[in-house]
Amino acid sequence: MLLGAPGSGKGTQAEMITRHFGIPVTSPGAILRREKDLGTPLGIETAEITQRGDLVPDKIIVELIEDWLRLHGSHGFVFDGFPRTLPQAESLLSILTRLRTALDLAIWLEVSEETVRARISGRLQCRSCGFTTSVTSAKFAERSVCPYCDGPLVRRNDDDVSVLQTRLREFATKTQPLADFYGKMSILRRIDGNRDRETVFAEISRLIEDKVPA
């Protein structure tokens, strides 16, 4: 799993992991944004919550993750930004016990607040597949279209600078305690996420390869 503050690079690294290793990745945020685009009651309800910078209730997130794991998690999985609270982490352990599987690695991407603000202010994301890039990328300066699925590259509603401080407070109070939780399980690895995506991915790749059976 990939953990860290908003803008720490979780989505970018998750995408690179699944393309390089073929490991399925899920993000509750991506699932809920899809629900919003479809106009479902769940999508509308949760969009209002995230636009305020608040976290979606644990019960909703855990149910989404359990459904996804039953469909896609039999041959390995990566979580992008899940869990975000201790109750979510405890529920996940119960789910994995029922499914007779376990967590091998929790990667914590450590970034400065300066990095977070810079990345959030310039982030673009594909509405269709979740590919993430920056408005400063030369590749997308003239044509904001995803290189993988031709979907539109747009700003996320919850990336509004006006709600970023709320998101950072939520992270500090509700997500930060997960570092101790997974540290006690001896599966937590911290990585400097302030560096460029390729350097960070190289370090993540080594950690994953160490866990893959020979």
N, C-alpha and C. Protein backbone atom coordinates (compact mmCIF):
# COMPACT_ATOMS: atom_id res chain seq x y z
N MET A 1 0.84 -1.19 0.00
CA MET A 1 0.00 0.00 0.00
C MET A 1 0.88 1.24 0.00
N LEU A 2 0.32 2.32 -0.58
CA LEU A 2 1.01 3.59 -0.64
C LEU A 2 0.29 4.60 0.25
N LEU A 3 1.01 5.18 1.20
CA LEU A 3 0.44 6.13 2.14
C LEU A 3 1.23 7.43 2.09
N GLY A 4 0.56 8.52 2.46
CA GLY A 4 1.24 9.81 2.48
C GLY A 4 0.25 10.94 2.37
N ALA A 5 0.74 12.15 2.52
CA ALA A 5 -0.11 13.34 2.49
C ALA A 5 -0.68 13.57 1.09
N PRO A 6 -1.71 14.41 0.96
CA PRO A 6 -2.19 14.80 -0.36
C PRO A 6 -1.03 15.37 -1.17
N GLY A 7 -0.90 14.94 -2.43
CA GLY A 7 0.17 15.45 -3.26
C GLY A 7 1.52 14.78 -3.04
N SER A 8 1.56 13.71 -2.26
CA SER A 8 2.84 13.04 -1.99
C SER A 8 3.29 12.15 -3.14
N GLY A 9 2.40 11.91 -4.10
CA GLY A 9 2.77 11.09 -5.26
C GLY A 9 2.19 9.70 -5.25
N LYS A 10 1.22 9.43 -4.38
CA LYS A 10 0.65 8.08 -4.27
C LYS A 10 0.04 7.62 -5.60
N GLY A 11 -0.77 8.48 -6.20
CA GLY A 11 -1.44 8.10 -7.44
C GLY A 11 -0.45 7.87 -8.58
N THR A 12 0.53 8.73 -8.67
CA THR A 12 1.57 8.60 -9.71
C THR A 12 2.33 7.30 -9.55
N GLN A 13 2.76 6.99 -8.32
CA GLN A 13 3.53 5.77 -8.08
C GLN A 13 2.65 4.52 -8.25
N ALA A 14 1.40 4.60 -7.87
CA ALA A 14 0.48 3.47 -8.05
C ALA A 14 0.34 3.14 -9.53
N GLU A 15 0.21 4.17 -10.33
CA GLU A 15 0.08 3.98 -11.78
C GLU A 15 1.35 3.35 -12.36
N MET A 16 2.51 3.81 -11.91
CA MET A 16 3.78 3.26 -12.40
C MET A 16 3.96 1.81 -11.96
N ILE A 17 3.50 1.49 -10.75
CA ILE A 17 3.60 0.12 -10.25
C ILE A 17 2.76 -0.83 -11.09
N THR A 18 1.52 -0.45 -11.35
CA THR A 18 0.64 -1.36 -12.09
C THR A 18 1.09 -1.53 -13.53
N ARG A 19 1.67 -0.48 -14.13
CA ARG A 19 2.13 -0.61 -15.51
C ARG A 19 3.42 -1.43 -15.59
N HIS A 20 4.27 -1.34 -14.57
CA HIS A 20 5.55 -2.06 -14.60
C HIS A 20 5.42 -3.51 -14.12
N PHE A 21 4.67 -3.71 -13.03
CA PHE A 21 4.58 -5.04 -12.43
C PHE A 21 3.29 -5.78 -12.78
N GLY A 22 2.30 -5.08 -13.32
CA GLY A 22 1.03 -5.73 -13.62
C GLY A 22 0.21 -6.05 -12.40
N ILE A 23 0.48 -5.35 -11.29
CA ILE A 23 -0.28 -5.58 -10.05
C ILE A 23 -1.50 -4.66 -10.07
N PRO A 24 -2.70 -5.19 -9.85
CA PRO A 24 -3.89 -4.32 -9.85
C PRO A 24 -3.86 -3.31 -8.72
N VAL A 25 -4.28 -2.10 -9.03
CA VAL A 25 -4.27 -0.99 -8.07
C VAL A 25 -5.68 -0.47 -7.89
N THR A 26 -6.02 -0.13 -6.66
CA THR A 26 -7.30 0.54 -6.45
C THR A 26 -7.12 1.74 -5.55
N SER A 27 -7.98 2.72 -5.78
CA SER A 27 -8.02 3.93 -4.97
C SER A 27 -9.48 4.24 -4.68
N PRO A 28 -9.86 4.34 -3.41
CA PRO A 28 -11.25 4.71 -3.11
C PRO A 28 -11.63 6.03 -3.78
N GLY A 29 -10.67 6.95 -3.87
CA GLY A 29 -10.95 8.23 -4.51
C GLY A 29 -11.32 8.07 -5.97
N ALA A 30 -10.58 7.20 -6.68
CA ALA A 30 -10.86 6.97 -8.09
C ALA A 30 -12.23 6.32 -8.28
N ILE A 31 -12.56 5.38 -7.40
CA ILE A 31 -13.86 4.71 -7.48
C ILE A 31 -14.98 5.73 -7.28
N LEU A 32 -14.80 6.59 -6.29
CA LEU A 32 -15.85 7.57 -5.97
C LEU A 32 -15.96 8.65 -7.05
N ARG A 33 -14.83 9.02 -7.65
CA ARG A 33 -14.91 9.99 -8.75
C ARG A 33 -15.66 9.41 -9.94
N ARG A 34 -15.48 8.10 -10.16
CA ARG A 34 -16.22 7.44 -11.24
C ARG A 34 -17.72 7.43 -10.93
N GLU A 35 -18.05 7.18 -9.66
CA GLU A 35 -19.46 7.21 -9.25
C GLU A 35 -20.05 8.60 -9.46
N LYS A 36 -19.24 9.63 -9.19
CA LYS A 36 -19.71 11.00 -9.38
C LYS A 36 -19.98 11.27 -10.86
N ASP A 37 -19.05 10.85 -11.73
CA ASP A 37 -19.21 11.06 -13.16
C ASP A 37 -20.45 10.34 -13.69
N LEU A 38 -20.78 9.21 -13.07
CA LEU A 38 -21.97 8.46 -13.48
C LEU A 38 -23.25 9.05 -12.90
N GLY A 39 -23.08 9.98 -11.95
CA GLY A 39 -24.25 10.63 -11.36
C GLY A 39 -25.01 9.78 -10.38
N THR A 40 -24.33 8.79 -9.75
CA THR A 40 -25.01 7.92 -8.79
C THR A 40 -25.21 8.67 -7.47
N PRO A 41 -26.20 8.25 -6.67
CA PRO A 41 -26.40 8.90 -5.36
C PRO A 41 -25.14 8.87 -4.50
N LEU A 42 -24.41 7.74 -4.53
CA LEU A 42 -23.17 7.65 -3.76
C LEU A 42 -22.15 8.66 -4.27
N GLY A 43 -22.03 8.78 -5.58
CA GLY A 43 -21.07 9.72 -6.15
C GLY A 43 -21.39 11.16 -5.79
N ILE A 44 -22.67 11.52 -5.84
CA ILE A 44 -23.08 12.89 -5.53
C ILE A 44 -22.85 13.19 -4.05
N GLU A 45 -23.23 12.24 -3.19
CA GLU A 45 -23.08 12.43 -1.74
C GLU A 45 -21.62 12.60 -1.35
N THR A 46 -20.75 11.71 -1.86
CA THR A 46 -19.35 11.75 -1.45
C THR A 46 -18.60 12.91 -2.09
N ALA A 47 -19.03 13.37 -3.27
CA ALA A 47 -18.39 14.53 -3.91
C ALA A 47 -18.56 15.77 -3.04
N GLU A 48 -19.73 15.91 -2.43
CA GLU A 48 -19.97 17.05 -1.55
C GLU A 48 -19.04 17.01 -0.34
N ILE A 49 -18.77 15.80 0.15
CA ILE A 49 -17.90 15.63 1.31
C ILE A 49 -16.46 16.00 0.95
N THR A 50 -15.95 15.46 -0.18
CA THR A 50 -14.56 15.69 -0.54
C THR A 50 -14.31 17.14 -0.96
N GLN A 51 -15.31 17.79 -1.52
CA GLN A 51 -15.15 19.19 -1.92
C GLN A 51 -14.94 20.09 -0.70
N ARG A 52 -15.42 19.64 0.46
CA ARG A 52 -15.18 20.41 1.69
C ARG A 52 -13.81 20.11 2.28
N GLY A 53 -13.14 19.06 1.74
CA GLY A 53 -11.85 18.66 2.28
C GLY A 53 -11.97 17.62 3.37
N ASP A 54 -13.18 17.14 3.64
CA ASP A 54 -13.39 16.13 4.68
C ASP A 54 -13.17 14.72 4.11
N LEU A 55 -13.02 13.74 5.01
CA LEU A 55 -12.87 12.36 4.60
C LEU A 55 -14.23 11.68 4.50
N VAL A 56 -14.38 10.82 3.50
CA VAL A 56 -15.60 10.04 3.33
C VAL A 56 -15.71 9.07 4.51
N PRO A 57 -16.91 8.83 5.05
CA PRO A 57 -17.07 7.92 6.20
C PRO A 57 -16.41 6.56 5.98
N ASP A 58 -15.79 6.04 7.04
CA ASP A 58 -15.07 4.78 6.96
C ASP A 58 -15.93 3.64 6.41
N LYS A 59 -17.18 3.57 6.82
CA LYS A 59 -18.05 2.46 6.43
C LYS A 59 -18.16 2.37 4.91
N ILE A 60 -18.33 3.51 4.25
CA ILE A 60 -18.46 3.53 2.79
C ILE A 60 -17.16 3.06 2.14
N ILE A 61 -16.03 3.59 2.60
CA ILE A 61 -14.74 3.24 2.02
C ILE A 61 -14.43 1.76 2.19
N VAL A 62 -14.65 1.22 3.37
CA VAL A 62 -14.33 -0.17 3.65
C VAL A 62 -15.17 -1.10 2.77
N GLU A 63 -16.45 -0.79 2.59
CA GLU A 63 -17.30 -1.62 1.73
C GLU A 63 -16.82 -1.61 0.29
N LEU A 64 -16.40 -0.43 -0.21
CA LEU A 64 -15.86 -0.35 -1.57
C LEU A 64 -14.61 -1.22 -1.72
N ILE A 65 -13.73 -1.15 -0.73
CA ILE A 65 -12.48 -1.91 -0.80
C ILE A 65 -12.75 -3.41 -0.73
N GLU A 66 -13.65 -3.83 0.14
CA GLU A 66 -13.92 -5.27 0.25
C GLU A 66 -14.50 -5.80 -1.05
N ASP A 67 -15.42 -5.07 -1.65
CA ASP A 67 -15.99 -5.50 -2.94
C ASP A 67 -14.89 -5.61 -3.99
N TRP A 68 -13.99 -4.62 -4.03
CA TRP A 68 -12.91 -4.64 -5.02
C TRP A 68 -11.97 -5.82 -4.80
N LEU A 69 -11.60 -6.09 -3.54
CA LEU A 69 -10.69 -7.19 -3.24
C LEU A 69 -11.27 -8.54 -3.65
N ARG A 70 -12.55 -8.73 -3.43
CA ARG A 70 -13.18 -10.00 -3.80
C ARG A 70 -13.14 -10.21 -5.31
N LEU A 71 -13.17 -9.12 -6.07
CA LEU A 71 -13.15 -9.23 -7.53
C LEU A 71 -11.73 -9.26 -8.12
N HIS A 72 -10.80 -8.51 -7.51
CA HIS A 72 -9.50 -8.30 -8.15
C HIS A 72 -8.29 -8.67 -7.31
N GLY A 73 -8.45 -9.00 -6.05
CA GLY A 73 -7.30 -9.09 -5.16
C GLY A 73 -6.69 -10.46 -4.96
N SER A 74 -7.04 -11.43 -5.80
CA SER A 74 -6.56 -12.80 -5.54
C SER A 74 -5.10 -13.01 -5.94
N HIS A 75 -4.53 -12.14 -6.77
CA HIS A 75 -3.15 -12.32 -7.22
C HIS A 75 -2.30 -11.08 -6.92
N GLY A 76 -2.48 -10.51 -5.76
CA GLY A 76 -1.73 -9.33 -5.37
C GLY A 76 -2.52 -8.06 -5.62
N PHE A 77 -2.17 -7.00 -4.90
CA PHE A 77 -2.91 -5.75 -5.03
C PHE A 77 -2.07 -4.62 -4.44
N VAL A 78 -2.40 -3.40 -4.88
CA VAL A 78 -1.79 -2.19 -4.33
C VAL A 78 -2.91 -1.23 -3.98
N PHE A 79 -2.85 -0.66 -2.79
CA PHE A 79 -3.82 0.36 -2.38
C PHE A 79 -3.17 1.73 -2.52
N ASP A 80 -3.87 2.63 -3.18
CA ASP A 80 -3.41 4.00 -3.36
C ASP A 80 -4.17 4.90 -2.39
N GLY A 81 -3.49 5.27 -1.28
CA GLY A 81 -4.13 6.15 -0.32
C GLY A 81 -5.19 5.50 0.55
N PHE A 82 -5.11 4.20 0.71
CA PHE A 82 -6.01 3.48 1.62
C PHE A 82 -5.16 2.52 2.43
N PRO A 83 -5.44 2.42 3.74
CA PRO A 83 -6.45 3.12 4.54
C PRO A 83 -5.99 4.54 4.90
N ARG A 84 -6.96 5.35 5.35
CA ARG A 84 -6.64 6.71 5.77
C ARG A 84 -6.93 6.97 7.23
N THR A 85 -7.53 5.99 7.91
CA THR A 85 -7.80 6.12 9.33
C THR A 85 -7.51 4.78 10.02
N LEU A 86 -7.33 4.83 11.33
CA LEU A 86 -7.09 3.59 12.08
C LEU A 86 -8.26 2.62 11.98
N PRO A 87 -9.54 3.07 12.08
CA PRO A 87 -10.65 2.13 11.91
C PRO A 87 -10.62 1.45 10.54
N GLN A 88 -10.24 2.19 9.49
CA GLN A 88 -10.13 1.58 8.16
C GLN A 88 -9.03 0.51 8.16
N ALA A 89 -7.91 0.81 8.80
CA ALA A 89 -6.79 -0.14 8.84
C ALA A 89 -7.19 -1.41 9.59
N GLU A 90 -7.91 -1.25 10.69
CA GLU A 90 -8.34 -2.41 11.47
C GLU A 90 -9.37 -3.24 10.69
N SER A 91 -10.28 -2.55 9.97
CA SER A 91 -11.26 -3.26 9.15
C SER A 91 -10.57 -4.01 8.02
N LEU A 92 -9.54 -3.41 7.44
CA LEU A 92 -8.82 -4.07 6.36
C LEU A 92 -8.18 -5.36 6.84
N LEU A 93 -7.58 -5.36 8.02
CA LEU A 93 -6.97 -6.58 8.55
C LEU A 93 -8.01 -7.68 8.71
N SER A 94 -9.21 -7.31 9.15
CA SER A 94 -10.29 -8.30 9.29
C SER A 94 -10.69 -8.85 7.93
N ILE A 95 -10.80 -7.98 6.93
CA ILE A 95 -11.16 -8.42 5.58
C ILE A 95 -10.11 -9.38 5.03
N LEU A 96 -8.84 -9.01 5.16
CA LEU A 96 -7.77 -9.84 4.63
C LEU A 96 -7.69 -11.19 5.35
N THR A 97 -8.01 -11.19 6.63
CA THR A 97 -8.03 -12.46 7.36
C THR A 97 -9.12 -13.36 6.79
N ARG A 98 -10.29 -12.80 6.52
CA ARG A 98 -11.38 -13.59 5.92
C ARG A 98 -11.00 -14.11 4.54
N LEU A 99 -10.24 -13.31 3.80
CA LEU A 99 -9.83 -13.70 2.44
C LEU A 99 -8.54 -14.53 2.44
N ARG A 100 -8.00 -14.77 3.62
CA ARG A 100 -6.79 -15.58 3.79
C ARG A 100 -5.60 -15.02 3.01
N THR A 101 -5.41 -13.74 3.14
CA THR A 101 -4.25 -13.08 2.56
C THR A 101 -3.72 -12.06 3.55
N ALA A 102 -2.63 -11.39 3.20
CA ALA A 102 -2.00 -10.49 4.18
C ALA A 102 -1.30 -9.33 3.46
N LEU A 103 -0.93 -8.33 4.24
CA LEU A 103 -0.17 -7.20 3.72
C LEU A 103 1.31 -7.50 3.81
N ASP A 104 2.04 -7.21 2.74
CA ASP A 104 3.48 -7.42 2.73
C ASP A 104 4.26 -6.14 2.96
N LEU A 105 3.68 -5.00 2.57
CA LEU A 105 4.46 -3.78 2.53
C LEU A 105 3.56 -2.56 2.64
N ALA A 106 3.95 -1.60 3.49
CA ALA A 106 3.27 -0.31 3.57
C ALA A 106 4.33 0.77 3.32
N ILE A 107 4.21 1.46 2.19
CA ILE A 107 5.19 2.47 1.80
C ILE A 107 4.66 3.85 2.14
N TRP A 108 5.43 4.58 2.94
CA TRP A 108 5.04 5.92 3.37
C TRP A 108 5.86 6.94 2.59
N LEU A 109 5.20 7.73 1.75
CA LEU A 109 5.88 8.76 0.96
C LEU A 109 5.93 10.06 1.77
N GLU A 110 7.12 10.40 2.21
CA GLU A 110 7.29 11.59 3.06
C GLU A 110 7.60 12.81 2.19
N VAL A 111 6.80 13.87 2.33
CA VAL A 111 7.00 15.09 1.55
C VAL A 111 6.82 16.31 2.44
N SER A 112 7.44 17.40 2.03
CA SER A 112 7.30 18.65 2.76
C SER A 112 5.99 19.33 2.38
N GLU A 113 5.53 20.26 3.22
CA GLU A 113 4.30 21.00 2.89
C GLU A 113 4.51 21.85 1.65
N GLU A 114 5.74 22.32 1.44
CA GLU A 114 6.04 23.11 0.24
C GLU A 114 5.82 22.26 -1.02
N THR A 115 6.28 21.01 -0.98
CA THR A 115 6.09 20.10 -2.12
C THR A 115 4.61 19.84 -2.34
N VAL A 116 3.88 19.60 -1.27
CA VAL A 116 2.44 19.34 -1.37
C VAL A 116 1.73 20.48 -2.07
N ARG A 117 1.99 21.69 -1.63
CA ARG A 117 1.30 22.85 -2.20
C ARG A 117 1.65 23.04 -3.68
N ALA A 118 2.91 22.84 -4.02
CA ALA A 118 3.33 22.99 -5.42
C ALA A 118 2.66 21.96 -6.31
N ARG A 119 2.59 20.72 -5.84
CA ARG A 119 2.01 19.65 -6.67
C ARG A 119 0.50 19.79 -6.79
N ILE A 120 -0.15 20.11 -5.68
CA ILE A 120 -1.61 20.23 -5.71
C ILE A 120 -2.04 21.36 -6.64
N SER A 121 -1.31 22.47 -6.62
CA SER A 121 -1.70 23.63 -7.42
C SER A 121 -1.58 23.36 -8.92
N GLY A 122 -0.75 22.37 -9.30
CA GLY A 122 -0.55 22.13 -10.72
C GLY A 122 -0.95 20.75 -11.21
N ARG A 123 -1.74 20.01 -10.41
CA ARG A 123 -2.05 18.63 -10.76
C ARG A 123 -3.18 18.52 -11.77
N LEU A 124 -2.99 17.62 -12.73
CA LEU A 124 -4.04 17.23 -13.67
C LEU A 124 -4.24 15.73 -13.57
N GLN A 125 -5.48 15.28 -13.72
CA GLN A 125 -5.76 13.85 -13.64
C GLN A 125 -6.74 13.45 -14.72
N CYS A 126 -6.51 12.27 -15.31
CA CYS A 126 -7.42 11.77 -16.34
C CYS A 126 -8.74 11.38 -15.69
N ARG A 127 -9.82 11.89 -16.23
CA ARG A 127 -11.14 11.59 -15.68
C ARG A 127 -11.53 10.14 -15.90
N SER A 128 -10.91 9.48 -16.90
CA SER A 128 -11.29 8.11 -17.23
C SER A 128 -10.47 7.05 -16.50
N CYS A 129 -9.12 7.17 -16.57
CA CYS A 129 -8.28 6.09 -16.02
C CYS A 129 -7.49 6.49 -14.78
N GLY A 130 -7.45 7.78 -14.44
CA GLY A 130 -6.75 8.21 -13.24
C GLY A 130 -5.30 8.60 -13.43
N PHE A 131 -4.77 8.53 -14.66
CA PHE A 131 -3.40 8.96 -14.93
C PHE A 131 -3.21 10.38 -14.40
N THR A 132 -2.06 10.62 -13.73
CA THR A 132 -1.80 11.91 -13.11
C THR A 132 -0.56 12.57 -13.71
N THR A 133 -0.66 13.87 -13.95
CA THR A 133 0.48 14.63 -14.46
C THR A 133 0.37 16.06 -13.95
N SER A 134 1.16 16.96 -14.52
CA SER A 134 1.19 18.35 -14.06
C SER A 134 0.91 19.30 -15.22
N VAL A 135 0.35 20.45 -14.88
CA VAL A 135 0.09 21.46 -15.91
C VAL A 135 1.40 21.99 -16.49
N THR A 136 2.51 21.77 -15.80
CA THR A 136 3.81 22.26 -16.28
C THR A 136 4.49 21.27 -17.21
N SER A 137 3.92 20.07 -17.36
CA SER A 137 4.52 19.08 -18.24
C SER A 137 4.42 19.52 -19.69
N ALA A 138 5.55 19.54 -20.38
CA ALA A 138 5.57 19.99 -21.78
C ALA A 138 4.70 19.11 -22.67
N LYS A 139 4.53 17.84 -22.29
CA LYS A 139 3.77 16.91 -23.12
C LYS A 139 2.29 17.30 -23.22
N PHE A 140 1.79 18.01 -22.19
CA PHE A 140 0.36 18.28 -22.14
C PHE A 140 0.05 19.77 -22.18
N ALA A 141 1.04 20.58 -22.56
CA ALA A 141 0.84 22.02 -22.57
C ALA A 141 -0.19 22.45 -23.60
N GLU A 142 -0.23 21.77 -24.75
CA GLU A 142 -1.14 22.16 -25.82
C GLU A 142 -2.37 21.27 -25.91
N ARG A 143 -2.27 20.03 -25.48
CA ARG A 143 -3.38 19.09 -25.63
C ARG A 143 -3.56 18.31 -24.33
N SER A 144 -4.58 18.68 -23.55
CA SER A 144 -4.80 18.05 -22.24
C SER A 144 -5.59 16.75 -22.40
N VAL A 145 -4.92 15.75 -22.97
CA VAL A 145 -5.54 14.45 -23.21
C VAL A 145 -4.64 13.35 -22.66
N CYS A 146 -5.22 12.38 -22.01
CA CYS A 146 -4.46 11.27 -21.43
C CYS A 146 -3.74 10.48 -22.52
N PRO A 147 -2.44 10.17 -22.32
CA PRO A 147 -1.69 9.42 -23.33
C PRO A 147 -2.05 7.94 -23.37
N TYR A 148 -2.79 7.46 -22.37
CA TYR A 148 -3.11 6.04 -22.30
C TYR A 148 -4.52 5.70 -22.78
N CYS A 149 -5.48 6.60 -22.52
CA CYS A 149 -6.86 6.27 -22.89
C CYS A 149 -7.58 7.38 -23.64
N ASP A 150 -6.87 8.50 -23.90
CA ASP A 150 -7.45 9.65 -24.60
C ASP A 150 -8.56 10.35 -23.81
N GLY A 151 -8.62 10.06 -22.51
CA GLY A 151 -9.59 10.75 -21.67
C GLY A 151 -9.13 12.17 -21.38
N PRO A 152 -10.03 13.03 -20.93
CA PRO A 152 -9.67 14.43 -20.64
C PRO A 152 -8.85 14.55 -19.35
N LEU A 153 -7.83 15.39 -19.38
CA LEU A 153 -7.04 15.70 -18.20
C LEU A 153 -7.65 16.93 -17.54
N VAL A 154 -8.08 16.80 -16.29
CA VAL A 154 -8.80 17.88 -15.61
C VAL A 154 -8.24 18.09 -14.21
N ARG A 155 -8.58 19.24 -13.62
CA ARG A 155 -8.26 19.50 -12.23
C ARG A 155 -9.28 18.78 -11.35
N ARG A 156 -8.82 18.16 -10.27
CA ARG A 156 -9.72 17.51 -9.32
C ARG A 156 -10.40 18.56 -8.45
N ASN A 157 -11.68 18.32 -8.16
CA ASN A 157 -12.43 19.27 -7.32
C ASN A 157 -11.79 19.44 -5.95
N ASP A 158 -11.26 18.34 -5.40
CA ASP A 158 -10.70 18.42 -4.05
C ASP A 158 -9.27 18.95 -4.04
N ASP A 159 -8.76 19.38 -5.21
CA ASP A 159 -7.43 19.99 -5.28
C ASP A 159 -7.49 21.51 -5.14
N ASP A 160 -8.67 22.03 -4.89
CA ASP A 160 -8.81 23.48 -4.71
C ASP A 160 -7.95 23.92 -3.52
N VAL A 161 -7.14 24.93 -3.73
CA VAL A 161 -6.23 25.40 -2.68
C VAL A 161 -7.00 25.81 -1.42
N SER A 162 -8.24 26.26 -1.58
CA SER A 162 -9.03 26.73 -0.44
C SER A 162 -9.37 25.61 0.54
N VAL A 163 -9.36 24.34 0.05
CA VAL A 163 -9.68 23.23 0.96
C VAL A 163 -8.42 22.43 1.34
N LEU A 164 -7.27 22.82 0.79
CA LEU A 164 -6.05 22.06 1.06
C LEU A 164 -5.70 22.04 2.54
N GLN A 165 -5.85 23.17 3.24
CA GLN A 165 -5.50 23.20 4.66
C GLN A 165 -6.36 22.24 5.45
N THR A 166 -7.64 22.13 5.08
CA THR A 166 -8.52 21.16 5.75
C THR A 166 -8.03 19.75 5.50
N ARG A 167 -7.64 19.45 4.27
CA ARG A 167 -7.15 18.11 3.93
C ARG A 167 -5.88 17.79 4.70
N LEU A 168 -5.01 18.76 4.86
CA LEU A 168 -3.76 18.53 5.59
C LEU A 168 -4.03 18.29 7.08
N ARG A 169 -5.02 19.01 7.64
CA ARG A 169 -5.38 18.78 9.05
C ARG A 169 -5.96 17.38 9.21
N GLU A 170 -6.82 16.97 8.27
CA GLU A 170 -7.39 15.63 8.32
C GLU A 170 -6.28 14.57 8.26
N PHE A 171 -5.30 14.82 7.41
CA PHE A 171 -4.19 13.88 7.29
C PHE A 171 -3.42 13.78 8.60
N ALA A 172 -3.11 14.92 9.20
CA ALA A 172 -2.31 14.94 10.42
C ALA A 172 -3.02 14.24 11.58
N THR A 173 -4.33 14.42 11.69
CA THR A 173 -5.05 13.87 12.84
C THR A 173 -5.52 12.43 12.61
N LYS A 174 -5.88 12.08 11.36
CA LYS A 174 -6.50 10.78 11.12
C LYS A 174 -5.60 9.77 10.41
N THR A 175 -4.70 10.25 9.56
CA THR A 175 -3.87 9.32 8.78
C THR A 175 -2.49 9.13 9.37
N GLN A 176 -1.90 10.17 9.91
CA GLN A 176 -0.55 10.08 10.46
C GLN A 176 -0.38 8.94 11.48
N PRO A 177 -1.39 8.66 12.33
CA PRO A 177 -1.23 7.55 13.28
C PRO A 177 -1.00 6.19 12.63
N LEU A 178 -1.29 6.05 11.32
CA LEU A 178 -1.07 4.77 10.65
C LEU A 178 0.41 4.42 10.56
N ALA A 179 1.28 5.42 10.65
CA ALA A 179 2.72 5.15 10.61
C ALA A 179 3.10 4.25 11.79
N ASP A 180 2.60 4.55 12.96
CA ASP A 180 2.87 3.72 14.14
C ASP A 180 2.20 2.36 14.00
N PHE A 181 0.98 2.35 13.48
CA PHE A 181 0.20 1.11 13.34
C PHE A 181 0.97 0.10 12.48
N TYR A 182 1.43 0.54 11.30
CA TYR A 182 2.13 -0.39 10.41
C TYR A 182 3.59 -0.55 10.80
N GLY A 183 4.13 0.42 11.53
CA GLY A 183 5.47 0.27 12.05
C GLY A 183 5.55 -0.89 13.03
N LYS A 184 4.53 -1.03 13.87
CA LYS A 184 4.49 -2.12 14.84
C LYS A 184 4.34 -3.48 14.17
N MET A 185 3.79 -3.48 12.95
CA MET A 185 3.67 -4.73 12.19
C MET A 185 4.94 -5.04 11.41
N SER A 186 5.92 -4.13 11.47
CA SER A 186 7.22 -4.29 10.81
C SER A 186 7.11 -4.37 9.29
N ILE A 187 6.10 -3.69 8.72
CA ILE A 187 5.98 -3.69 7.26
C ILE A 187 6.10 -2.27 6.69
N LEU A 188 6.31 -1.27 7.55
CA LEU A 188 6.38 0.12 7.10
C LEU A 188 7.76 0.46 6.56
N ARG A 189 7.80 1.08 5.38
CA ARG A 189 9.05 1.58 4.81
C ARG A 189 8.83 3.03 4.40
N ARG A 190 9.71 3.93 4.84
CA ARG A 190 9.59 5.35 4.53
C ARG A 190 10.48 5.72 3.34
N ILE A 191 9.92 6.52 2.43
CA ILE A 191 10.65 6.95 1.23
C ILE A 191 10.51 8.46 1.08
N ASP A 192 11.59 9.11 0.69
CA ASP A 192 11.58 10.55 0.44
C ASP A 192 10.82 10.81 -0.85
N GLY A 193 9.60 11.34 -0.74
CA GLY A 193 8.76 11.57 -1.90
C GLY A 193 8.93 12.93 -2.53
N ASN A 194 9.87 13.74 -2.03
CA ASN A 194 10.11 15.07 -2.60
C ASN A 194 10.86 15.00 -3.93
N ARG A 195 11.47 13.85 -4.22
CA ARG A 195 12.29 13.70 -5.41
C ARG A 195 11.43 13.45 -6.65
N ASP A 196 12.07 13.38 -7.83
CA ASP A 196 11.32 13.15 -9.06
C ASP A 196 10.72 11.75 -9.07
N ARG A 197 9.67 11.57 -9.86
CA ARG A 197 8.91 10.32 -9.84
C ARG A 197 9.75 9.09 -10.19
N GLU A 198 10.69 9.23 -11.12
CA GLU A 198 11.50 8.08 -11.53
C GLU A 198 12.42 7.61 -10.41
N THR A 199 13.01 8.54 -9.67
CA THR A 199 13.89 8.18 -8.55
C THR A 199 13.10 7.49 -7.45
N VAL A 200 11.92 8.03 -7.15
CA VAL A 200 11.07 7.42 -6.12
C VAL A 200 10.63 6.03 -6.57
N PHE A 201 10.24 5.89 -7.83
CA PHE A 201 9.78 4.60 -8.33
C PHE A 201 10.89 3.55 -8.29
N ALA A 202 12.13 3.94 -8.57
CA ALA A 202 13.23 2.99 -8.53
C ALA A 202 13.39 2.41 -7.13
N GLU A 203 13.21 3.25 -6.11
CA GLU A 203 13.32 2.77 -4.73
C GLU A 203 12.14 1.88 -4.37
N ILE A 204 10.95 2.26 -4.80
CA ILE A 204 9.76 1.43 -4.55
C ILE A 204 9.89 0.09 -5.25
N SER A 205 10.40 0.09 -6.46
CA SER A 205 10.57 -1.15 -7.22
C SER A 205 11.46 -2.14 -6.49
N ARG A 206 12.54 -1.63 -5.90
CA ARG A 206 13.44 -2.53 -5.16
C ARG A 206 12.73 -3.16 -3.98
N LEU A 207 11.89 -2.38 -3.31
CA LEU A 207 11.14 -2.93 -2.17
C LEU A 207 10.16 -4.00 -2.62
N ILE A 208 9.49 -3.77 -3.74
CA ILE A 208 8.53 -4.76 -4.26
C ILE A 208 9.25 -6.01 -4.71
N GLU A 209 10.35 -5.84 -5.42
CA GLU A 209 11.09 -7.01 -5.92
C GLU A 209 11.60 -7.88 -4.78
N ASP A 210 11.93 -7.27 -3.66
CA ASP A 210 12.37 -8.04 -2.49
C ASP A 210 11.26 -8.92 -1.93
N LYS A 211 10.00 -8.52 -2.22
CA LYS A 211 8.85 -9.27 -1.70
C LYS A 211 8.34 -10.31 -2.69
N VAL A 212 8.76 -10.22 -3.95
CA VAL A 212 8.27 -11.15 -4.97
C VAL A 212 9.06 -12.45 -4.87
N PRO A 213 8.36 -13.60 -4.79
CA PRO A 213 9.06 -14.89 -4.71
C PRO A 213 9.96 -15.11 -5.93
N ALA A 214 11.12 -15.67 -5.68
CA ALA A 214 12.07 -15.94 -6.78
C ALA A 214 11.54 -17.03 -7.70
